[in-house]
C-alpha atoms as a PDB file:
ATOM      1  CA  UNK A   1      42.707 -64.327  34.196  1.00  0.00           C
ATOM      2  CA  UNK A   2      46.218 -63.072  34.919  1.00  0.00           C
ATOM      3  CA  UNK A   3      45.200 -59.555  33.889  1.00  0.00           C
ATOM      4  CA  UNK A   4      42.098 -59.640  36.107  1.00  0.00           C
ATOM      5  CA  UNK A   5      43.888 -60.753  39.282  1.00  0.00           C
ATOM      6  CA  UNK A   6      45.763 -57.467  39.972  1.00  0.00           C
ATOM      7  CA  UNK A   7      42.537 -55.490  39.532  1.00  0.00           C
ATOM      8  CA  UNK A   8      40.774 -57.823  41.943  1.00  0.00           C
ATOM      9  CA  UNK A   9      43.463 -57.174  44.574  1.00  0.00           C
ATOM     10  CA  UNK A  10      43.200 -53.418  43.972  1.00  0.00           C
ATOM     11  CA  UNK A  11      39.410 -53.542  44.403  1.00  0.00           C
ATOM     12  CA  UNK A  12      39.595 -55.607  47.605  1.00  0.00           C
ATOM     13  CA  UNK A  13      42.366 -53.402  49.043  1.00  0.00           C
ATOM     14  CA  UNK A  14      40.411 -50.251  48.190  1.00  0.00           C
ATOM     15  CA  UNK A  15      37.276 -51.610  49.850  1.00  0.00           C
ATOM     16  CA  UNK A  16      39.213 -52.567  52.959  1.00  0.00           C
ATOM     17  CA  UNK A  17      40.849 -49.147  53.106  1.00  0.00           C
ATOM     18  CA  UNK A  18      37.492 -47.341  52.771  1.00  0.00           C
ATOM     19  CA  UNK A  19      35.936 -49.557  55.461  1.00  0.00           C
ATOM     20  CA  UNK A  20      38.900 -48.878  57.752  1.00  0.00           C
ATOM     21  CA  UNK A  21      38.693 -45.125  57.221  1.00  0.00           C
ATOM     22  CA  UNK A  22      34.935 -45.069  57.846  1.00  0.00           C
ATOM     23  CA  UNK A  23      35.420 -47.091  61.027  1.00  0.00           C
ATOM     24  CA  UNK A  24      38.202 -44.762  62.169  1.00  0.00           C
ATOM     25  CA  UNK A  25      36.066 -41.696  61.410  1.00  0.00           C
ATOM     26  CA  UNK A  26      33.107 -43.045  63.391  1.00  0.00           C
ATOM     27  CA  UNK A  27      35.341 -43.975  66.330  1.00  0.00           C
ATOM     28  CA  UNK A  28      37.012 -40.571  66.421  1.00  0.00           C
ATOM     29  CA  UNK A  29      33.771 -38.644  66.032  1.00  0.00           C
ATOM     30  CA  UNK A  30      32.235 -40.622  68.905  1.00  0.00           C
ATOM     31  CA  UNK A  31      35.339 -40.205  71.058  1.00  0.00           C
ATOM     32  CA  UNK A  32      35.483 -36.439  70.624  1.00  0.00           C
ATOM     33  CA  UNK A  33      31.777 -35.783  70.932  1.00  0.00           C
ATOM     34  CA  UNK A  34      29.971 -35.497  74.236  1.00  0.00           C
ATOM     35  CA  UNK A  35      27.210 -37.764  73.047  1.00  0.00           C
ATOM     36  CA  UNK A  36      27.138 -41.458  73.643  1.00  0.00           C
ATOM     37  CA  UNK A  37      24.690 -43.459  71.601  1.00  0.00           C
ATOM     38  CA  UNK A  38      21.738 -44.827  73.557  1.00  0.00           C
ATOM     39  CA  UNK A  39      22.752 -48.486  73.285  1.00  0.00           C
ATOM     40  CA  UNK A  40      26.376 -47.644  74.044  1.00  0.00           C
ATOM     41  CA  UNK A  41      25.335 -45.619  77.111  1.00  0.00           C
ATOM     42  CA  UNK A  42      23.134 -48.464  78.315  1.00  0.00           C
ATOM     43  CA  UNK A  43      25.978 -50.948  77.816  1.00  0.00           C
ATOM     44  CA  UNK A  44      28.452 -48.733  79.692  1.00  0.00           C
ATOM     45  CA  UNK A  45      25.964 -48.295  82.508  1.00  0.00           C
ATOM     46  CA  UNK A  46      25.255 -52.010  82.625  1.00  0.00           C
ATOM     47  CA  UNK A  47      28.957 -52.937  82.643  1.00  0.00           C
ATOM     48  CA  UNK A  48      29.795 -50.429  85.364  1.00  0.00           C
ATOM     49  CA  UNK A  49      26.836 -51.535  87.474  1.00  0.00           C
ATOM     50  CA  UNK A  50      27.719 -55.202  87.004  1.00  0.00           C
ATOM     51  CA  UNK A  51      31.278 -54.474  88.169  1.00  0.00           C
ATOM     52  CA  UNK A  52      29.980 -52.660  91.254  1.00  0.00           C
ATOM     53  CA  UNK A  53      27.580 -55.493  92.062  1.00  0.00           C
ATOM     54  CA  UNK A  54      30.395 -58.020  91.731  1.00  0.00           C
ATOM     55  CA  UNK A  55      32.582 -55.909  94.003  1.00  0.00           C
ATOM     56  CA  UNK A  56      29.738 -55.635  96.526  1.00  0.00           C
ATOM     57  CA  UNK A  57      29.290 -59.409  96.626  1.00  0.00           C
ATOM     58  CA  UNK A  58      33.030 -59.878  97.101  1.00  0.00           C
ATOM     59  CA  UNK A  59      33.093 -57.389  99.966  1.00  0.00           C
ATOM     60  CA  UNK A  60      30.134 -59.032 101.685  1.00  0.00           C
ATOM     61  CA  UNK A  61      31.895 -62.396 101.447  1.00  0.00           C
ATOM     62  CA  UNK A  62      35.088 -60.876 102.878  1.00  0.00           C
ATOM     63  CA  UNK A  63      33.127 -59.401 105.794  1.00  0.00           C
ATOM     64  CA  UNK A  64      31.613 -62.836 106.490  1.00  0.00           C
ATOM     65  CA  UNK A  65      35.048 -64.475 106.230  1.00  0.00           C
ATOM     66  CA  UNK A  66      36.650 -62.001 108.640  1.00  0.00           C
ATOM     67  CA  UNK A  67      33.792 -62.519 111.080  1.00  0.00           C
ATOM     68  CA  UNK A  68      34.190 -66.298 110.812  1.00  0.00           C
ATOM     69  CA  UNK A  69      37.957 -66.050 111.370  1.00  0.00           C
ATOM     70  CA  UNK A  70      37.352 -63.875 114.429  1.00  0.00           C
ATOM     71  CA  UNK A  71      34.729 -66.243 115.825  1.00  0.00           C
ATOM     72  CA  UNK A  72      37.095 -69.179 115.255  1.00  0.00           C
ATOM     73  CA  UNK A  73      39.761 -67.416 117.321  1.00  0.00           C
ATOM     74  CA  UNK A  74      42.180 -66.964 114.402  1.00  0.00           C
ATOM     75  CA  UNK A  75      41.894 -63.177 114.464  1.00  0.00           C
ATOM     76  CA  UNK A  76      42.412 -60.950 117.490  1.00  0.00           C
ATOM     77  CA  UNK A  77      39.828 -58.376 118.523  1.00  0.00           C
ATOM     78  CA  UNK A  78      41.887 -55.312 117.446  1.00  0.00           C
ATOM     79  CA  UNK A  79      42.714 -56.888 114.070  1.00  0.00           C
ATOM     80  CA  UNK A  80      39.073 -57.850 113.563  1.00  0.00           C
ATOM     81  CA  UNK A  81      37.871 -54.341 114.413  1.00  0.00           C
ATOM     82  CA  UNK A  82      40.376 -52.781 111.992  1.00  0.00           C
ATOM     83  CA  UNK A  83      39.629 -55.152 109.094  1.00  0.00           C
ATOM     84  CA  UNK A  84      35.906 -55.035 109.692  1.00  0.00           C
ATOM     85  CA  UNK A  85      35.890 -51.220 109.734  1.00  0.00           C
ATOM     86  CA  UNK A  86      37.914 -51.010 106.499  1.00  0.00           C
ATOM     87  CA  UNK A  87      35.750 -53.552 104.687  1.00  0.00           C
ATOM     88  CA  UNK A  88      32.515 -51.921 105.820  1.00  0.00           C
ATOM     89  CA  UNK A  89      33.745 -48.452 104.816  1.00  0.00           C
ATOM     90  CA  UNK A  90      34.624 -49.774 101.366  1.00  0.00           C
ATOM     91  CA  UNK A  91      31.250 -51.528 101.132  1.00  0.00           C
ATOM     92  CA  UNK A  92      29.481 -48.249 102.032  1.00  0.00           C
ATOM     93  CA  UNK A  93      31.403 -46.532  99.229  1.00  0.00           C
ATOM     94  CA  UNK A  94      30.350 -49.214  96.721  1.00  0.00           C
ATOM     95  CA  UNK A  95      26.710 -49.081  97.878  1.00  0.00           C
ATOM     96  CA  UNK A  96      26.736 -45.305  97.557  1.00  0.00           C
ATOM     97  CA  UNK A  97      28.103 -45.620  93.997  1.00  0.00           C
ATOM     98  CA  UNK A  98      25.350 -48.119  93.187  1.00  0.00           C
ATOM     99  CA  UNK A  99      22.720 -45.715  94.540  1.00  0.00           C
ATOM    100  CA  UNK A 100      24.121 -42.821  92.517  1.00  0.00           C
ATOM    101  CA  UNK A 101      23.876 -44.866  89.359  1.00  0.00           C
ATOM    102  CA  UNK A 102      20.154 -45.406  89.848  1.00  0.00           C
ATOM    103  CA  UNK A 103      19.143 -41.751  90.263  1.00  0.00           C
ATOM    104  CA  UNK A 104      18.689 -41.221  86.515  1.00  0.00           C
ATOM    105  CA  UNK A 105      16.681 -44.433  86.236  1.00  0.00           C
ATOM    106  CA  UNK A 106      14.626 -43.487  89.273  1.00  0.00           C
ATOM    107  CA  UNK A 107      13.833 -40.066  87.793  1.00  0.00           C
ATOM    108  CA  UNK A 108      12.891 -41.653  84.474  1.00  0.00           C
ATOM    109  CA  UNK A 109      10.697 -44.230  86.220  1.00  0.00           C
ATOM    110  CA  UNK A 110       8.939 -41.533  88.247  1.00  0.00           C
ATOM    111  CA  UNK A 111       8.305 -39.511  85.071  1.00  0.00           C
ATOM    112  CA  UNK A 112       6.868 -42.590  83.342  1.00  0.00           C
ATOM    113  CA  UNK A 113       4.623 -43.319  86.335  1.00  0.00           C
ATOM    114  CA  UNK A 114       3.418 -39.722  86.465  1.00  0.00           C
ATOM    115  CA  UNK A 115       2.725 -39.802  82.714  1.00  0.00           C
ATOM    116  CA  UNK A 116       0.823 -43.062  83.047  1.00  0.00           C
ATOM    117  CA  UNK A 117      -1.243 -41.726  85.945  1.00  0.00           C
ATOM    118  CA  UNK A 118      -2.189 -38.582  84.009  1.00  0.00           C
ATOM    119  CA  UNK A 119      -3.155 -40.706  80.978  1.00  0.00           C
ATOM    120  CA  UNK A 120      -5.477 -42.837  83.124  1.00  0.00           C
ATOM    121  CA  UNK A 121      -7.157 -39.809  84.744  1.00  0.00           C
END
């Protein structure tokens, strides 16, 4: 048993080293290639879209809060106009980014609809 133990450690260490090198190779090849795997691309798109949607909801709540503070008399008219304009400009930017992210999906959906309509004809 004592003679087998060092060989067991060598085998486990070798396996771990090979697994680590394969993982490193796959990571580097993906990082330096222009291709993103389909599931990875979908996940990146989903995460980015989710972040934009969260930001949009936060901005809408801030706009409502500023309006409430103004209506309650806690915010002067010039301050309200300035804050409201900044928040709305930022919200427009976020909405524009959300719209840009859907162009590829919209094109794909239109192609699928056109394909389905030609199949039914």
